[in-house]
């Protein structure tokens, strides 16, 4: 544990949490990708401004999830 003024960091716990989350994401990768693919298919069949906004939001969320996973791998 490292003390930084008023803040203490337990790097072992931080590393453990990152590792656990990375493993959970990796173990559920196919299920997560499948869910995003199903959403994309449903949104492709929809039309209108709301549907377009949902498609954009869903794609951004998928990219964010991928970036978070990649970042966690680098940290772990």
PDB file of N, CA and C in Angstrom:
ATOM      1  N   UNK A   1       0.848  -1.169   0.000  1.00  0.00           N
ATOM      2  CA  UNK A   1       0.000   0.000   0.000  1.00  0.00           C
ATOM      3  C   UNK A   1       0.895   1.234   0.000  1.00  0.00           C
ATOM      4  N   UNK A   2       0.546   2.184  -0.815  1.00  0.00           N
ATOM      5  CA  UNK A   2       1.325   3.418  -0.931  1.00  0.00           C
ATOM      6  C   UNK A   2       0.475   4.576  -0.415  1.00  0.00           C
ATOM      7  N   UNK A   3       1.064   5.416   0.403  1.00  0.00           N
ATOM      8  CA  UNK A   3       0.370   6.579   0.941  1.00  0.00           C
ATOM      9  C   UNK A   3       0.791   7.812   0.155  1.00  0.00           C
ATOM     10  N   UNK A   4      -0.201   8.553  -0.311  1.00  0.00           N
ATOM     11  CA  UNK A   4       0.053   9.784  -1.059  1.00  0.00           C
ATOM     12  C   UNK A   4      -0.698  10.911  -0.352  1.00  0.00           C
ATOM     13  N   UNK A   5      -0.078  11.484   0.669  1.00  0.00           N
ATOM     14  CA  UNK A   5      -0.766  12.521   1.427  1.00  0.00           C
ATOM     15  C   UNK A   5      -1.925  11.911   2.184  1.00  0.00           C
ATOM     16  N   UNK A   6      -3.122  12.370   1.883  1.00  0.00           N
ATOM     17  CA  UNK A   6      -4.326  11.863   2.537  1.00  0.00           C
ATOM     18  C   UNK A   6      -4.891  10.629   1.846  1.00  0.00           C
ATOM     19  N   UNK A   7      -4.270  10.209   0.777  1.00  0.00           N
ATOM     20  CA  UNK A   7      -4.815   9.115  -0.024  1.00  0.00           C
ATOM     21  C   UNK A   7      -3.892   7.902   0.037  1.00  0.00           C
ATOM     22  N   UNK A   8      -4.477   6.737   0.277  1.00  0.00           N
ATOM     23  CA  UNK A   8      -3.701   5.506   0.277  1.00  0.00           C
ATOM     24  C   UNK A   8      -4.167   4.633  -0.879  1.00  0.00           C
ATOM     25  N   UNK A   9      -3.235   4.086  -1.623  1.00  0.00           N
ATOM     26  CA  UNK A   9      -3.557   3.229  -2.757  1.00  0.00           C
ATOM     27  C   UNK A   9      -3.050   1.826  -2.484  1.00  0.00           C
ATOM     28  N   UNK A  10      -3.933   0.864  -2.625  1.00  0.00           N
ATOM     29  CA  UNK A  10      -3.554  -0.537  -2.477  1.00  0.00           C
ATOM     30  C   UNK A  10      -3.464  -1.115  -3.888  1.00  0.00           C
ATOM     31  N   UNK A  11      -2.261  -1.099  -4.436  1.00  0.00           N
ATOM     32  CA  UNK A  11      -2.065  -1.521  -5.821  1.00  0.00           C
ATOM     33  C   UNK A  11      -2.419  -2.987  -6.043  1.00  0.00           C
ATOM     34  N   UNK A  12      -2.259  -3.821  -5.032  1.00  0.00           N
ATOM     35  CA  UNK A  12      -2.626  -5.230  -5.178  1.00  0.00           C
ATOM     36  C   UNK A  12      -4.123  -5.370  -5.383  1.00  0.00           C
ATOM     37  N   UNK A  13      -4.915  -4.607  -4.628  1.00  0.00           N
ATOM     38  CA  UNK A  13      -6.371  -4.651  -4.795  1.00  0.00           C
ATOM     39  C   UNK A  13      -6.777  -4.073  -6.150  1.00  0.00           C
ATOM     40  N   UNK A  14      -6.141  -2.970  -6.532  1.00  0.00           N
ATOM     41  CA  UNK A  14      -6.446  -2.357  -7.827  1.00  0.00           C
ATOM     42  C   UNK A  14      -6.143  -3.341  -8.947  1.00  0.00           C
ATOM     43  N   UNK A  15      -4.983  -3.969  -8.879  1.00  0.00           N
ATOM     44  CA  UNK A  15      -4.597  -4.946  -9.896  1.00  0.00           C
ATOM     45  C   UNK A  15      -5.549  -6.134  -9.907  1.00  0.00           C
ATOM     46  N   UNK A  16      -5.988  -6.564  -8.733  1.00  0.00           N
ATOM     47  CA  UNK A  16      -6.921  -7.684  -8.635  1.00  0.00           C
ATOM     48  C   UNK A  16      -8.267  -7.343  -9.279  1.00  0.00           C
ATOM     49  N   UNK A  17      -8.764  -6.144  -9.017  1.00  0.00           N
ATOM     50  CA  UNK A  17     -10.044  -5.712  -9.594  1.00  0.00           C
ATOM     51  C   UNK A  17      -9.935  -5.611 -11.111  1.00  0.00           C
ATOM     52  N   UNK A  18      -8.855  -5.025 -11.599  1.00  0.00           N
ATOM     53  CA  UNK A  18      -8.651  -4.896 -13.043  1.00  0.00           C
ATOM     54  C   UNK A  18      -8.562  -6.272 -13.689  1.00  0.00           C
ATOM     55  N   UNK A  19      -7.817  -7.165 -13.073  1.00  0.00           N
ATOM     56  CA  UNK A  19      -7.669  -8.519 -13.606  1.00  0.00           C
ATOM     57  C   UNK A  19      -9.004  -9.250 -13.631  1.00  0.00           C
ATOM     58  N   UNK A  20      -9.780  -9.118 -12.554  1.00  0.00           N
ATOM     59  CA  UNK A  20     -11.085  -9.774 -12.475  1.00  0.00           C
ATOM     60  C   UNK A  20     -12.027  -9.248 -13.553  1.00  0.00           C
ATOM     61  N   UNK A  21     -12.070  -7.937 -13.720  1.00  0.00           N
ATOM     62  CA  UNK A  21     -12.939  -7.338 -14.735  1.00  0.00           C
ATOM     63  C   UNK A  21     -12.502  -7.737 -16.138  1.00  0.00           C
ATOM     64  N   UNK A  22     -11.202  -7.733 -16.381  1.00  0.00           N
ATOM     65  CA  UNK A  22     -10.679  -8.146 -17.685  1.00  0.00           C
ATOM     66  C   UNK A  22     -11.071  -9.585 -17.987  1.00  0.00           C
ATOM     67  N   UNK A  23     -10.934 -10.463 -17.009  1.00  0.00           N
ATOM     68  CA  UNK A  23     -11.312 -11.867 -17.198  1.00  0.00           C
ATOM     69  C   UNK A  23     -12.798 -12.017 -17.471  1.00  0.00           C
ATOM     70  N   UNK A  24     -13.630 -11.282 -16.739  1.00  0.00           N
ATOM     71  CA  UNK A  24     -15.080 -11.357 -16.954  1.00  0.00           C
ATOM     72  C   UNK A  24     -15.442 -10.891 -18.358  1.00  0.00           C
ATOM     73  N   UNK A  25     -14.839  -9.785 -18.792  1.00  0.00           N
ATOM     74  CA  UNK A  25     -15.112  -9.294 -20.143  1.00  0.00           C
ATOM     75  C   UNK A  25     -14.646 -10.291 -21.196  1.00  0.00           C
ATOM     76  N   UNK A  26     -13.479 -10.868 -20.989  1.00  0.00           N
ATOM     77  CA  UNK A  26     -12.937 -11.837 -21.947  1.00  0.00           C
ATOM     78  C   UNK A  26     -13.804 -13.095 -21.996  1.00  0.00           C
ATOM     79  N   UNK A  27     -14.252 -13.562 -20.830  1.00  0.00           N
ATOM     80  CA  UNK A  27     -15.077 -14.767 -20.770  1.00  0.00           C
ATOM     81  C   UNK A  27     -16.452 -14.564 -21.393  1.00  0.00           C
ATOM     82  N   UNK A  28     -16.916 -13.327 -21.427  1.00  0.00           N
ATOM     83  CA  UNK A  28     -18.238 -13.029 -21.982  1.00  0.00           C
ATOM     84  C   UNK A  28     -18.161 -12.308 -23.317  1.00  0.00           C
ATOM     85  N   UNK A  29     -16.987 -12.297 -23.921  1.00  0.00           N
ATOM     86  CA  UNK A  29     -16.757 -11.546 -25.157  1.00  0.00           C
ATOM     87  C   UNK A  29     -17.725 -11.949 -26.275  1.00  0.00           C
ATOM     88  N   UNK A  30     -17.898 -13.240 -26.487  1.00  0.00           N
ATOM     89  CA  UNK A  30     -18.789 -13.703 -27.557  1.00  0.00           C
ATOM     90  C   UNK A  30     -20.230 -13.307 -27.277  1.00  0.00           C
ATOM     91  N   UNK A  31     -20.659 -13.440 -26.037  1.00  0.00           N
ATOM     92  CA  UNK A  31     -22.028 -13.078 -25.672  1.00  0.00           C
ATOM     93  C   UNK A  31     -22.257 -11.576 -25.851  1.00  0.00           C
ATOM     94  N   UNK A  32     -21.281 -10.771 -25.463  1.00  0.00           N
ATOM     95  CA  UNK A  32     -21.385  -9.316 -25.613  1.00  0.00           C
ATOM     96  C   UNK A  32     -21.438  -8.942 -27.090  1.00  0.00           C
ATOM     97  N   UNK A  33     -20.562  -9.519 -27.897  1.00  0.00           N
ATOM     98  CA  UNK A  33     -20.548  -9.229 -29.335  1.00  0.00           C
ATOM     99  C   UNK A  33     -21.846  -9.665 -29.990  1.00  0.00           C
ATOM    100  N   UNK A  34     -22.359 -10.808 -29.569  1.00  0.00           N
ATOM    101  CA  UNK A  34     -23.625 -11.304 -30.113  1.00  0.00           C
ATOM    102  C   UNK A  34     -24.770 -10.349 -29.781  1.00  0.00           C
ATOM    103  N   UNK A  35     -24.788  -9.844 -28.558  1.00  0.00           N
ATOM    104  CA  UNK A  35     -25.840  -8.906 -28.162  1.00  0.00           C
ATOM    105  C   UNK A  35     -25.769  -7.630 -28.999  1.00  0.00           C
ATOM    106  N   UNK A  36     -24.561  -7.107 -29.210  1.00  0.00           N
ATOM    107  CA  UNK A  36     -24.416  -5.910 -30.038  1.00  0.00           C
ATOM    108  C   UNK A  36     -24.827  -6.194 -31.482  1.00  0.00           C
ATOM    109  N   UNK A  37     -24.512  -7.357 -31.995  1.00  0.00           N
ATOM    110  CA  UNK A  37     -24.902  -7.715 -33.364  1.00  0.00           C
ATOM    111  C   UNK A  37     -26.416  -7.785 -33.496  1.00  0.00           C
ATOM    112  N   UNK A  38     -27.075  -8.360 -32.495  1.00  0.00           N
ATOM    113  CA  UNK A  38     -28.543  -8.432 -32.521  1.00  0.00           C
ATOM    114  C   UNK A  38     -29.148  -7.032 -32.483  1.00  0.00           C
ATOM    115  N   UNK A  39     -28.585  -6.165 -31.646  1.00  0.00           N
ATOM    116  CA  UNK A  39     -29.080  -4.787 -31.589  1.00  0.00           C
ATOM    117  C   UNK A  39     -28.894  -4.082 -32.927  1.00  0.00           C
ATOM    118  N   UNK A  40     -27.738  -4.262 -33.543  1.00  0.00           N
ATOM    119  CA  UNK A  40     -27.485  -3.652 -34.849  1.00  0.00           C
ATOM    120  C   UNK A  40     -28.509  -4.121 -35.871  1.00  0.00           C
ATOM    121  N   UNK A  41     -28.818  -5.412 -35.862  1.00  0.00           N
ATOM    122  CA  UNK A  41     -29.790  -5.960 -36.811  1.00  0.00           C
ATOM    123  C   UNK A  41     -31.169  -5.348 -36.594  1.00  0.00           C
ATOM    124  N   UNK A  42     -31.568  -5.201 -35.347  1.00  0.00           N
ATOM    125  CA  UNK A  42     -32.877  -4.611 -35.043  1.00  0.00           C
ATOM    126  C   UNK A  42     -32.904  -3.144 -35.459  1.00  0.00           C
ATOM    127  N   UNK A  43     -31.848  -2.401 -35.130  1.00  0.00           N
ATOM    128  CA  UNK A  43     -31.814  -0.981 -35.466  1.00  0.00           C
ATOM    129  C   UNK A  43     -31.743  -0.753 -36.974  1.00  0.00           C
ATOM    130  N   UNK A  44     -31.133  -1.666 -37.724  1.00  0.00           N
ATOM    131  CA  UNK A  44     -31.062  -1.529 -39.181  1.00  0.00           C
ATOM    132  C   UNK A  44     -32.448  -1.603 -39.810  1.00  0.00           C
ATOM    133  N   UNK A  45     -33.356  -2.320 -39.173  1.00  0.00           N
ATOM    134  CA  UNK A  45     -34.709  -2.479 -39.697  1.00  0.00           C
ATOM    135  C   UNK A  45     -35.592  -1.282 -39.356  1.00  0.00           C
ATOM    136  N   UNK A  46     -35.141  -0.438 -38.454  1.00  0.00           N
ATOM    137  CA  UNK A  46     -35.919   0.716 -38.019  1.00  0.00           C
ATOM    138  C   UNK A  46     -35.585   1.930 -38.874  1.00  0.00           C
ATOM    139  N   UNK A  47     -36.510   2.881 -38.884  1.00  0.00           N
ATOM    140  CA  UNK A  47     -36.262   4.106 -39.641  1.00  0.00           C
ATOM    141  C   UNK A  47     -36.678   5.312 -38.808  1.00  0.00           C
ATOM    142  N   UNK A  48     -36.258   6.468 -39.239  1.00  0.00           N
ATOM    143  CA  UNK A  48     -36.605   7.701 -38.543  1.00  0.00           C
ATOM    144  C   UNK A  48     -35.433   8.254 -37.756  1.00  0.00           C
ATOM    145  N   UNK A  49     -35.622   9.475 -37.270  1.00  0.00           N
ATOM    146  CA  UNK A  49     -34.557  10.150 -36.537  1.00  0.00           C
ATOM    147  C   UNK A  49     -34.185   9.418 -35.253  1.00  0.00           C
ATOM    148  N   UNK A  50     -35.206   8.922 -34.536  1.00  0.00           N
ATOM    149  CA  UNK A  50     -34.928   8.220 -33.282  1.00  0.00           C
ATOM    150  C   UNK A  50     -34.122   6.956 -33.536  1.00  0.00           C
ATOM    151  N   UNK A  51     -34.485   6.223 -34.568  1.00  0.00           N
ATOM    152  CA  UNK A  51     -33.764   4.990 -34.897  1.00  0.00           C
ATOM    153  C   UNK A  51     -32.325   5.299 -35.292  1.00  0.00           C
ATOM    154  N   UNK A  52     -32.136   6.363 -36.055  1.00  0.00           N
ATOM    155  CA  UNK A  52     -30.785   6.767 -36.457  1.00  0.00           C
ATOM    156  C   UNK A  52     -29.957   7.155 -35.234  1.00  0.00           C
ATOM    157  N   UNK A  53     -30.579   7.880 -34.311  1.00  0.00           N
ATOM    158  CA  UNK A  53     -29.882   8.269 -33.082  1.00  0.00           C
ATOM    159  C   UNK A  53     -29.520   7.040 -32.252  1.00  0.00           C
ATOM    160  N   UNK A  54     -30.430   6.080 -32.161  1.00  0.00           N
ATOM    161  CA  UNK A  54     -30.156   4.847 -31.411  1.00  0.00           C
ATOM    162  C   UNK A  54     -29.031   4.044 -32.057  1.00  0.00           C
ATOM    163  N   UNK A  55     -29.009   4.004 -33.378  1.00  0.00           N
ATOM    164  CA  UNK A  55     -27.921   3.302 -34.084  1.00  0.00           C
ATOM    165  C   UNK A  55     -26.575   3.946 -33.758  1.00  0.00           C
ATOM    166  N   UNK A  56     -26.537   5.264 -33.817  1.00  0.00           N
ATOM    167  CA  UNK A  56     -25.298   5.974 -33.504  1.00  0.00           C
ATOM    168  C   UNK A  56     -24.870   5.763 -32.061  1.00  0.00           C
ATOM    169  N   UNK A  57     -25.821   5.814 -31.149  1.00  0.00           N
ATOM    170  CA  UNK A  57     -25.527   5.603 -29.733  1.00  0.00           C
ATOM    171  C   UNK A  57     -25.028   4.184 -29.483  1.00  0.00           C
ATOM    172  N   UNK A  58     -25.664   3.214 -30.116  1.00  0.00           N
ATOM    173  CA  UNK A  58     -25.266   1.817 -29.938  1.00  0.00           C
ATOM    174  C   UNK A  58     -23.864   1.573 -30.465  1.00  0.00           C
ATOM    175  N   UNK A  59     -23.541   2.142 -31.613  1.00  0.00           N
ATOM    176  CA  UNK A  59     -22.195   1.979 -32.173  1.00  0.00           C
ATOM    177  C   UNK A  59     -21.149   2.637 -31.278  1.00  0.00           C
ATOM    178  N   UNK A  60     -21.476   3.818 -30.751  1.00  0.00           N
ATOM    179  CA  UNK A  60     -20.545   4.508 -29.852  1.00  0.00           C
ATOM    180  C   UNK A  60     -20.342   3.712 -28.565  1.00  0.00           C
ATOM    181  N   UNK A  61     -21.412   3.140 -28.042  1.00  0.00           N
ATOM    182  CA  UNK A  61     -21.317   2.327 -26.826  1.00  0.00           C
ATOM    183  C   UNK A  61     -20.455   1.094 -27.067  1.00  0.00           C
ATOM    184  N   UNK A  62     -20.625   0.471 -28.216  1.00  0.00           N
ATOM    185  CA  UNK A  62     -19.830  -0.717 -28.551  1.00  0.00           C
ATOM    186  C   UNK A  62     -18.350  -0.349 -28.657  1.00  0.00           C
ATOM    187  N   UNK A  63     -18.045   0.766 -29.300  1.00  0.00           N
ATOM    188  CA  UNK A  63     -16.652   1.223 -29.394  1.00  0.00           C
ATOM    189  C   UNK A  63     -16.082   1.519 -28.009  1.00  0.00           C
ATOM    190  N   UNK A  64     -16.883   2.160 -27.162  1.00  0.00           N
ATOM    191  CA  UNK A  64     -16.442   2.484 -25.808  1.00  0.00           C
ATOM    192  C   UNK A  64     -16.149   1.218 -25.013  1.00  0.00           C
ATOM    193  N   UNK A  65     -17.014   0.230 -25.117  1.00  0.00           N
ATOM    194  CA  UNK A  65     -16.810  -1.032 -24.415  1.00  0.00           C
ATOM    195  C   UNK A  65     -15.514  -1.690 -24.871  1.00  0.00           C
ATOM    196  N   UNK A  66     -15.256  -1.652 -26.164  1.00  0.00           N
ATOM    197  CA  UNK A  66     -14.028  -2.231 -26.708  1.00  0.00           C
ATOM    198  C   UNK A  66     -12.804  -1.472 -26.202  1.00  0.00           C
ATOM    199  N   UNK A  67     -12.878  -0.154 -26.171  1.00  0.00           N
ATOM    200  CA  UNK A  67     -11.761   0.661 -25.681  1.00  0.00           C
ATOM    201  C   UNK A  67     -11.503   0.419 -24.194  1.00  0.00           C
ATOM    202  N   UNK A  68     -12.573   0.302 -23.416  1.00  0.00           N
ATOM    203  CA  UNK A  68     -12.418   0.021 -21.983  1.00  0.00           C
ATOM    204  C   UNK A  68     -11.732  -1.324 -21.793  1.00  0.00           C
ATOM    205  N   UNK A  69     -12.166  -2.311 -22.554  1.00  0.00           N
ATOM    206  CA  UNK A  69     -11.560  -3.639 -22.453  1.00  0.00           C
ATOM    207  C   UNK A  69     -10.078  -3.589 -22.829  1.00  0.00           C
ATOM    208  N   UNK A  70      -9.743  -2.909 -23.901  1.00  0.00           N
ATOM    209  CA  UNK A  70      -8.339  -2.785 -24.314  1.00  0.00           C
ATOM    210  C   UNK A  70      -7.507  -2.049 -23.261  1.00  0.00           C
ATOM    211  N   UNK A  71      -8.076  -0.995 -22.684  1.00  0.00           N
ATOM    212  CA  UNK A  71      -7.368  -0.239 -21.651  1.00  0.00           C
ATOM    213  C   UNK A  71      -7.129  -1.091 -20.412  1.00  0.00           C
ATOM    214  N   UNK A  72      -8.138  -1.861 -20.014  1.00  0.00           N
ATOM    215  CA  UNK A  72      -7.979  -2.736 -18.850  1.00  0.00           C
ATOM    216  C   UNK A  72      -6.899  -3.784 -19.085  1.00  0.00           C
ATOM    217  N   UNK A  73      -6.830  -4.303 -20.302  1.00  0.00           N
ATOM    218  CA  UNK A  73      -5.785  -5.282 -20.617  1.00  0.00           C
ATOM    219  C   UNK A  73      -4.404  -4.659 -20.472  1.00  0.00           C
ATOM    220  N   UNK A  74      -4.266  -3.414 -20.916  1.00  0.00           N
ATOM    221  CA  UNK A  74      -2.979  -2.728 -20.812  1.00  0.00           C
ATOM    222  C   UNK A  74      -2.614  -2.463 -19.353  1.00  0.00           C
ATOM    223  N   UNK A  75      -3.602  -2.115 -18.544  1.00  0.00           N
ATOM    224  CA  UNK A  75      -3.347  -1.839 -17.129  1.00  0.00           C
ATOM    225  C   UNK A  75      -3.046  -3.107 -16.342  1.00  0.00           C
ATOM    226  N   UNK A  76      -3.695  -4.201 -16.746  1.00  0.00           N
ATOM    227  CA  UNK A  76      -3.520  -5.470 -16.026  1.00  0.00           C
ATOM    228  C   UNK A  76      -2.273  -6.104 -16.413  1.00  0.00           C
TER     229      UNK A  76
END
